[in-house]
Protein backbone atom coordinates (compact mmCIF):
# COMPACT_ATOMS: atom_id res chain seq x y z
CA MET A 1 -64.05 -0.60 -68.46
CA LEU A 2 -65.13 -3.88 -66.90
CA ALA A 3 -61.82 -5.46 -67.87
CA CYS A 4 -59.93 -2.54 -66.33
CA PHE A 5 -61.92 -2.82 -63.09
CA VAL A 6 -61.26 -6.57 -62.83
CA GLY A 7 -57.55 -6.06 -63.46
CA THR A 8 -57.35 -3.44 -60.75
CA VAL A 9 -59.07 -5.72 -58.24
CA VAL A 10 -56.73 -8.59 -59.07
CA TRP A 11 -53.67 -6.32 -58.68
CA PHE A 12 -54.82 -5.07 -55.26
CA GLY A 13 -55.48 -8.64 -54.21
CA HIS A 14 -51.92 -9.63 -55.07
CA GLN A 15 -50.57 -6.64 -53.14
CA ILE A 16 -52.59 -7.46 -50.02
CA ARG A 17 -51.55 -11.11 -50.22
CA ASP A 18 -47.88 -10.15 -50.53
CA PHE A 19 -48.21 -7.78 -47.60
CA LEU A 20 -49.92 -10.31 -45.32
CA SER A 21 -47.95 -13.36 -46.43
CA PRO A 22 -44.17 -13.39 -45.82
CA PRO A 23 -42.17 -13.63 -49.00
CA SER A 24 -39.73 -16.44 -49.64
CA ASP A 25 -36.75 -14.36 -48.26
CA THR A 26 -38.00 -14.36 -44.64
CA VAL A 27 -36.16 -15.82 -41.64
CA THR A 28 -37.29 -16.93 -38.19
CA ILE A 29 -35.55 -15.10 -35.34
CA PRO A 30 -33.77 -17.58 -33.02
CA SER A 31 -33.13 -17.04 -29.31
CA PHE A 32 -29.88 -15.15 -28.84
CA VAL A 33 -30.25 -14.83 -25.04
CA GLY A 34 -27.32 -16.46 -23.25
CA GLN A 35 -24.93 -16.07 -26.20
CA SER A 36 -22.07 -13.65 -26.23
CA PHE A 37 -22.77 -10.56 -28.26
CA ALA A 38 -19.96 -11.50 -30.66
CA ASP A 39 -21.56 -14.92 -31.35
CA ALA A 40 -25.01 -13.35 -31.68
CA ALA A 41 -23.65 -10.81 -34.18
CA ASN A 42 -21.93 -13.54 -36.24
CA LEU A 43 -25.09 -15.67 -36.33
CA SER A 44 -27.19 -12.62 -37.26
CA LYS A 45 -24.84 -11.86 -40.13
CA HIS A 46 -25.03 -15.46 -41.34
CA MET A 47 -28.85 -15.18 -41.33
CA HIS A 48 -28.70 -11.87 -43.24
CA LEU A 49 -29.81 -9.88 -40.21
CA THR A 50 -28.26 -6.77 -38.67
CA ALA A 51 -27.19 -7.00 -35.00
CA VAL A 52 -27.19 -3.78 -32.96
CA GLU A 53 -26.37 -3.36 -29.25
CA ILE A 54 -28.88 -0.79 -27.99
CA ASP A 55 -28.30 -1.02 -24.22
CA HIS A 56 -26.29 -2.70 -21.48
CA THR A 57 -26.96 -3.23 -17.81
CA THR A 58 -25.67 -5.05 -14.74
CA SER A 59 -26.85 -8.60 -14.15
CA ASP A 60 -26.37 -11.16 -11.39
CA ARG A 61 -27.36 -13.97 -13.81
CA TYR A 62 -25.43 -13.38 -17.02
CA PRO A 63 -21.66 -12.71 -17.28
CA LYS A 64 -20.30 -9.59 -18.89
CA GLY A 65 -20.77 -9.40 -22.67
CA VAL A 66 -23.68 -11.89 -22.81
CA VAL A 67 -27.05 -11.07 -24.40
CA ILE A 68 -29.82 -10.81 -21.80
CA ALA A 69 -32.69 -9.50 -24.00
CA GLN A 70 -33.53 -9.12 -27.70
CA ARG A 71 -36.05 -7.51 -30.04
CA PRO A 72 -37.77 -8.99 -32.02
CA GLU A 73 -38.32 -11.97 -29.76
CA SER A 74 -37.38 -15.49 -30.77
CA GLY A 75 -39.84 -17.20 -33.14
CA THR A 76 -40.74 -13.96 -34.94
CA LYS A 77 -40.64 -14.15 -38.76
CA VAL A 78 -38.99 -11.16 -40.39
CA ARG A 79 -37.55 -10.19 -43.73
CA GLU A 80 -33.84 -10.57 -44.37
CA GLY A 81 -31.90 -7.46 -43.50
CA ARG A 82 -34.09 -6.71 -40.46
CA GLN A 83 -32.33 -5.16 -37.45
CA VAL A 84 -32.19 -7.24 -34.28
CA SER A 85 -31.64 -5.16 -31.14
CA PHE A 86 -29.75 -6.55 -28.13
CA VAL A 87 -29.37 -5.68 -24.45
CA VAL A 88 -25.99 -6.89 -23.21
CA SER A 89 -24.91 -7.69 -19.64
CA ASP A 90 -22.24 -5.71 -17.83
CA GLY A 91 -21.98 -8.57 -15.34
CA MET A 92 -21.83 -8.04 -11.60
CA ILE A 93 -19.92 -4.86 -10.76
CA SER A 94 -17.87 -5.56 -7.64
CA GLN A 95 -16.16 -3.12 -5.32
CA LEU A 96 -14.43 -3.12 -1.97
CA MET A 97 -16.59 -3.04 1.13
CA PRO A 98 -16.10 0.26 3.02
CA ASP A 99 -14.96 0.17 6.63
CA LEU A 100 -17.98 1.14 8.71
CA ARG A 101 -16.54 0.37 12.14
CA TYR A 102 -16.79 3.13 14.77
CA GLN A 103 -19.07 5.17 12.47
CA SER A 104 -22.42 6.59 13.52
CA MET A 105 -25.54 5.30 11.75
CA ARG A 106 -25.80 8.59 9.86
CA GLU A 107 -22.28 8.11 8.48
CA VAL A 108 -23.14 4.50 7.65
CA GLY A 109 -26.17 5.62 5.66
CA LEU A 110 -24.07 8.04 3.62
CA ASP A 111 -21.45 5.38 2.86
CA LEU A 112 -24.05 2.77 1.85
CA THR A 113 -25.81 5.26 -0.43
CA ARG A 114 -22.53 6.21 -2.07
CA THR A 115 -21.53 2.57 -2.69
CA ARG A 116 -25.10 1.49 -3.63
CA LEU A 117 -25.26 -1.12 -0.89
CA MET A 118 -28.29 -1.99 1.20
CA LEU A 119 -28.63 -1.95 4.98
CA GLY A 120 -29.41 -5.47 6.17
CA LYS A 121 -29.99 -6.77 9.67
CA VAL A 122 -29.00 -4.46 12.54
CA SER A 123 -28.41 -5.97 15.97
CA TYR A 124 -27.49 -4.14 19.16
CA GLU A 125 -25.24 -5.07 22.05
CA LYS A 126 -23.53 -3.36 24.94
CA SER A 127 -19.95 -2.27 24.43
CA ASP A 128 -17.40 -0.80 26.77
CA VAL A 129 -15.21 0.12 23.80
CA VAL A 130 -17.49 1.60 21.11
CA PRO A 131 -19.76 4.58 21.94
CA ASP A 132 -23.54 4.32 21.82
CA GLY A 133 -25.01 4.30 18.28
CA HIS A 134 -21.72 3.47 16.57
CA VAL A 135 -20.83 0.32 14.63
CA ILE A 136 -19.01 -2.47 16.48
CA ALA A 137 -18.82 -5.03 13.65
CA GLN A 138 -20.03 -5.55 10.09
CA ASP A 139 -20.69 -8.34 7.62
CA PRO A 140 -19.23 -8.35 4.92
CA GLN A 141 -15.90 -7.43 6.47
CA PRO A 142 -14.05 -4.22 5.48
CA LEU A 143 -12.36 -4.35 2.06
CA ALA A 144 -14.18 -7.58 1.05
CA ASN A 145 -15.46 -7.76 -2.55
CA VAL A 146 -19.15 -6.83 -2.74
CA ILE A 147 -21.61 -6.11 -5.53
CA GLU A 148 -24.16 -3.33 -5.90
CA GLY A 149 -27.34 -4.00 -3.95
CA GLU A 150 -25.71 -6.41 -1.51
CA LYS A 151 -27.00 -6.24 2.06
CA VAL A 152 -24.70 -5.26 4.91
CA ASN A 153 -25.44 -6.54 8.42
CA LEU A 154 -24.30 -4.44 11.37
CA THR A 155 -23.72 -4.86 15.08
CA VAL A 156 -24.28 -1.50 16.77
CA SER A 157 -23.28 -0.43 20.27
CA LYS A 158 -25.86 0.30 22.94
CA GLY A 159 -23.10 1.92 24.92
CA GLY A 160 -21.54 0.84 28.16
CA ALA A 161 -22.49 1.63 31.69
CA ALA A 162 -20.65 4.55 33.28
CA GLU A 163 -19.37 2.27 36.01
CA ILE A 164 -15.66 3.09 36.15
CA VAL A 165 -14.73 5.40 38.98
CA LEU A 166 -11.74 7.48 37.93
CA PRO A 167 -8.73 7.26 40.19
CA ASN A 168 -6.44 10.17 40.97
CA PHE A 169 -3.65 10.00 38.38
CA THR A 170 -2.08 13.28 39.58
CA GLY A 171 1.37 12.75 41.03
CA MET A 172 1.83 9.33 39.43
CA LYS A 173 4.52 8.52 36.90
CA ILE A 174 3.05 8.23 33.44
CA ASP A 175 3.96 4.53 33.11
CA ASP A 176 2.22 3.79 36.41
CA ALA A 177 -0.80 5.85 35.28
CA ARG A 178 -0.98 3.86 32.04
CA ALA A 179 -0.78 0.58 33.93
CA LEU A 180 -3.51 1.63 36.37
CA ALA A 181 -5.75 2.85 33.53
CA LYS A 182 -5.33 -0.46 31.71
CA ARG A 183 -6.13 -2.43 34.86
CA LEU A 184 -9.30 -0.40 35.54
CA GLY A 185 -10.40 -0.24 31.88
CA VAL A 186 -9.97 3.54 31.63
CA GLN A 187 -9.42 4.88 28.11
CA LEU A 188 -6.57 7.40 28.10
CA GLY A 189 -6.94 10.14 25.51
CA GLN A 190 -4.50 12.90 24.65
CA LEU A 191 -1.30 13.11 26.67
CA VAL A 192 0.07 16.66 26.77
CA TRP A 193 3.70 16.82 27.82
CA THR A 194 4.05 20.27 29.35
CA PRO A 195 7.18 22.12 30.48
CA LEU A 196 6.24 23.41 33.93
CA GLY A 197 9.52 25.01 34.96
CA PRO A 198 11.93 24.41 37.89
CA LYS A 199 9.18 24.21 40.52
CA GLY A 200 7.03 21.85 38.50
CA PRO A 201 6.84 18.06 38.93
CA ALA A 202 9.65 15.82 37.77
CA HIS A 203 9.82 14.58 34.21
CA GLY A 204 7.06 12.06 33.39
CA VAL A 205 4.83 12.86 36.40
CA VAL A 206 1.12 13.52 35.80
CA ALA A 207 0.32 17.13 36.74
CA ARG A 208 -3.38 17.27 35.85
CA GLN A 209 -6.23 15.15 34.43
CA SER A 210 -9.19 16.28 32.35
CA LEU A 211 -11.85 14.66 34.59
CA ARG A 212 -11.84 14.86 38.35
CA PRO A 213 -11.03 11.79 40.46
CA GLY A 214 -14.17 9.97 41.51
CA THR A 215 -16.05 10.76 38.27
CA LYS A 216 -17.92 7.79 36.80
CA VAL A 217 -17.16 7.17 33.11
CA ALA A 218 -17.65 4.50 30.46
CA SER A 219 -14.53 2.70 29.33
CA TYR A 220 -14.66 4.33 25.88
CA GLU A 221 -14.78 7.85 27.32
CA PRO A 222 -11.23 9.25 26.99
CA VAL A 223 -9.43 10.90 29.87
CA SER A 224 -6.61 13.30 28.95
CA LEU A 225 -3.55 13.79 31.12
CA GLN A 226 -1.12 16.66 31.40
CA VAL A 227 2.37 15.29 32.00
CA SER A 228 5.38 17.26 33.17
CA ALA A 229 8.21 17.52 30.67
CA GLY A 230 10.65 18.19 33.54
CA PRO A 231 12.05 21.26 35.33
CA ASN A 232 14.67 21.95 32.69
CA GLU A 233 12.33 21.89 29.70
CA SER A 234 10.55 24.97 28.43
CA GLY A 235 9.37 26.60 25.26
CA TYR A 236 7.20 23.92 23.66
CA LEU A 237 4.34 21.59 24.48
CA LEU A 238 4.82 17.94 23.51
CA ARG A 239 1.53 16.22 22.70
CA GLN A 240 0.84 12.55 22.18
CA VAL A 241 -2.35 12.13 20.15
CA HIS A 242 -4.38 9.24 18.75
CA LEU A 243 -5.50 9.80 15.15
CA LEU A 244 -8.17 7.84 13.28
CA ALA A 245 -8.43 8.96 9.65
CA SER A 246 -10.92 7.65 7.05
CA VAL A 247 -9.82 7.81 3.41
CA PRO A 248 -12.43 9.83 1.43
CA VAL A 249 -13.72 8.90 -2.01
CA PRO A 250 -12.56 11.36 -4.70
CA GLN A 251 -14.85 12.07 -7.63
CA GLY A 252 -14.23 10.03 -10.76
CA ILE A 253 -12.64 7.07 -8.94
CA ALA A 254 -13.73 3.67 -10.24
CA PRO A 255 -14.90 1.05 -7.71
CA GLY A 256 -11.97 -0.83 -6.24
CA GLN A 257 -9.40 1.73 -7.41
CA SER A 258 -6.73 2.70 -4.89
CA VAL A 259 -5.82 6.31 -4.16
CA LYS A 260 -2.52 7.88 -3.13
CA VAL A 261 -2.69 8.98 0.51
CA VAL A 262 -0.24 11.22 2.38
CA LEU A 263 -0.57 12.29 6.01
CA ARG A 264 1.97 15.05 6.67
CA MET A 265 2.88 16.38 10.10
CA ARG A 266 3.94 20.01 10.58
CA ASP A 267 5.24 20.93 14.04
CA ALA A 268 8.16 22.70 15.75
CA THR A 269 10.59 20.07 14.45
CA GLY A 270 9.66 20.70 10.81
CA SER A 271 7.56 18.79 8.29
CA TYR A 272 7.55 15.03 7.77
CA ASP A 273 5.25 12.31 6.43
CA LEU A 274 3.41 10.09 8.89
CA TYR A 275 2.01 7.97 6.08
CA ARG A 276 2.70 7.78 2.35
CA ALA A 277 1.15 4.87 0.48
CA TYR A 278 -1.85 3.75 -1.55
CA ALA A 279 -5.09 2.94 0.24
CA GLN A 280 -8.69 2.09 -0.58
CA PRO A 281 -11.45 4.73 -0.27
CA GLY A 282 -13.24 4.15 3.02
CA GLN A 283 -10.21 2.49 4.60
CA LYS A 284 -9.36 3.68 8.12
CA LEU A 285 -5.82 4.63 9.16
CA ASP A 286 -4.95 4.43 12.85
CA PHE A 287 -1.96 6.28 14.36
CA THR A 288 -0.55 7.41 17.68
CA VAL A 289 1.68 10.43 17.07
CA ALA A 290 3.79 12.79 19.13
CA ALA A 291 3.85 16.46 18.13
CA LEU A 292 6.00 19.28 19.45
CA GLY A 293 4.58 22.78 19.75
CA THR A 294 2.01 24.11 17.32
CA SER A 295 1.20 21.10 15.16
CA VAL A 296 -1.03 20.30 12.19
CA VAL A 297 -1.61 17.09 10.21
CA ASP A 298 -2.38 17.67 6.51
CA PHE A 299 -4.38 15.02 4.63
CA PHE A 300 -3.64 14.62 0.89
CA VAL A 301 -5.47 12.31 -1.52
CA ASN A 302 -3.97 12.01 -5.01
CA ASP A 303 -1.81 15.06 -4.22
CA VAL A 304 -4.86 17.20 -3.36
CA LEU A 305 -5.25 18.63 0.16
CA VAL A 306 -8.62 17.36 1.43
CA GLY A 307 -8.35 18.38 5.09
CA GLU A 308 -6.20 19.22 8.07
CA THR A 309 -6.31 18.41 11.76
CA ARG A 310 -4.81 20.80 14.27
CA LEU A 311 -3.30 18.88 17.17
CA GLY A 312 -2.16 21.85 19.23
CA ASN A 313 -1.57 25.56 19.15
CA GLU A 314 0.61 27.81 21.27
CA PRO A 315 1.97 31.36 21.05
CA ALA A 316 5.26 31.93 19.31
CA ARG A 317 6.88 32.62 22.67
CA VAL A 318 5.51 30.51 25.48
CA TYR A 319 7.72 31.63 28.36
CA ASP A 320 9.41 34.85 29.31
CA GLU A 321 12.31 34.98 31.78
CA ARG A 322 10.09 35.59 34.78
CA ALA A 323 7.83 32.64 34.00
CA ARG A 324 10.84 30.46 33.35
CA THR A 325 12.35 31.15 36.74
CA SER A 326 9.28 31.17 38.96
CA PRO A 327 6.26 29.33 37.59
CA ALA A 328 3.44 28.40 39.89
CA PRO A 329 3.50 24.71 40.85
CA GLY A 330 1.32 22.70 38.47
CA ALA A 331 0.60 25.76 36.31
CA THR A 332 0.21 25.35 32.56
CA PRO A 333 1.92 27.68 30.06
């Protein structure tokens, strides 16, 4: 019995020693950080270890495909065949900077959240062109390459003083009205070419303006004019409109990927494309268009209708014979 007890104690002693002391087939884990995952896997295989990629994340320090963390850590002694887990870098994910100009701060916040960018320094200055609370300039510039988390600095308008006294455009030829508006800094908005009948003003003469003469306005506040289409024209309204369209971001679009954009006009002359090309999400498209009669602009992105803008609407029959022969001077249809 004594011999059996001593043998048992010796056996347990050997087992505890083997458990606490690494056997001869152990290896010391090196530092794999900074190596490509392919090189780390090859070295692990050579050392009789198993390399496994357990996670990946963006990094502004390590390029894509490079090991940025490991478990066990370097210097650890392990048995051969042990698994070594790696976290691999996705690199810096870049995208195109959205165009924030002319947007309100609320719209800016939505765009920055969507693109995972940060709002940086915001400075304010007076502007006679951009309305109060809207972006004048940005840094980085629109469509520049940026990475997630990058700060965007903005210059925001404090507005302009309502110091421009509107002249009386009524009775002027439209070219003279444009020249006067440019000289005074007045922003002309929609121009509605209106058939006013035989007793109306001559073709191209301003018949009415949206704000009364003598009104004080800021230079970015638009003033619309109604222009006579001439005594022999009737049946349709001809509108000249300024359009500013921002390309939306469809779901499932990778950063930097272009989308197919179509702006299609539908008016009394039929249907035709104002714009058909590829553009970047967030890019702004600027147009001045003329539309005849009831008119709508349809906005397609990747062949999907995402919105429409109605430029004008009028009854199917604008004039009857009595109105055509004896309209009131300056009257609208």
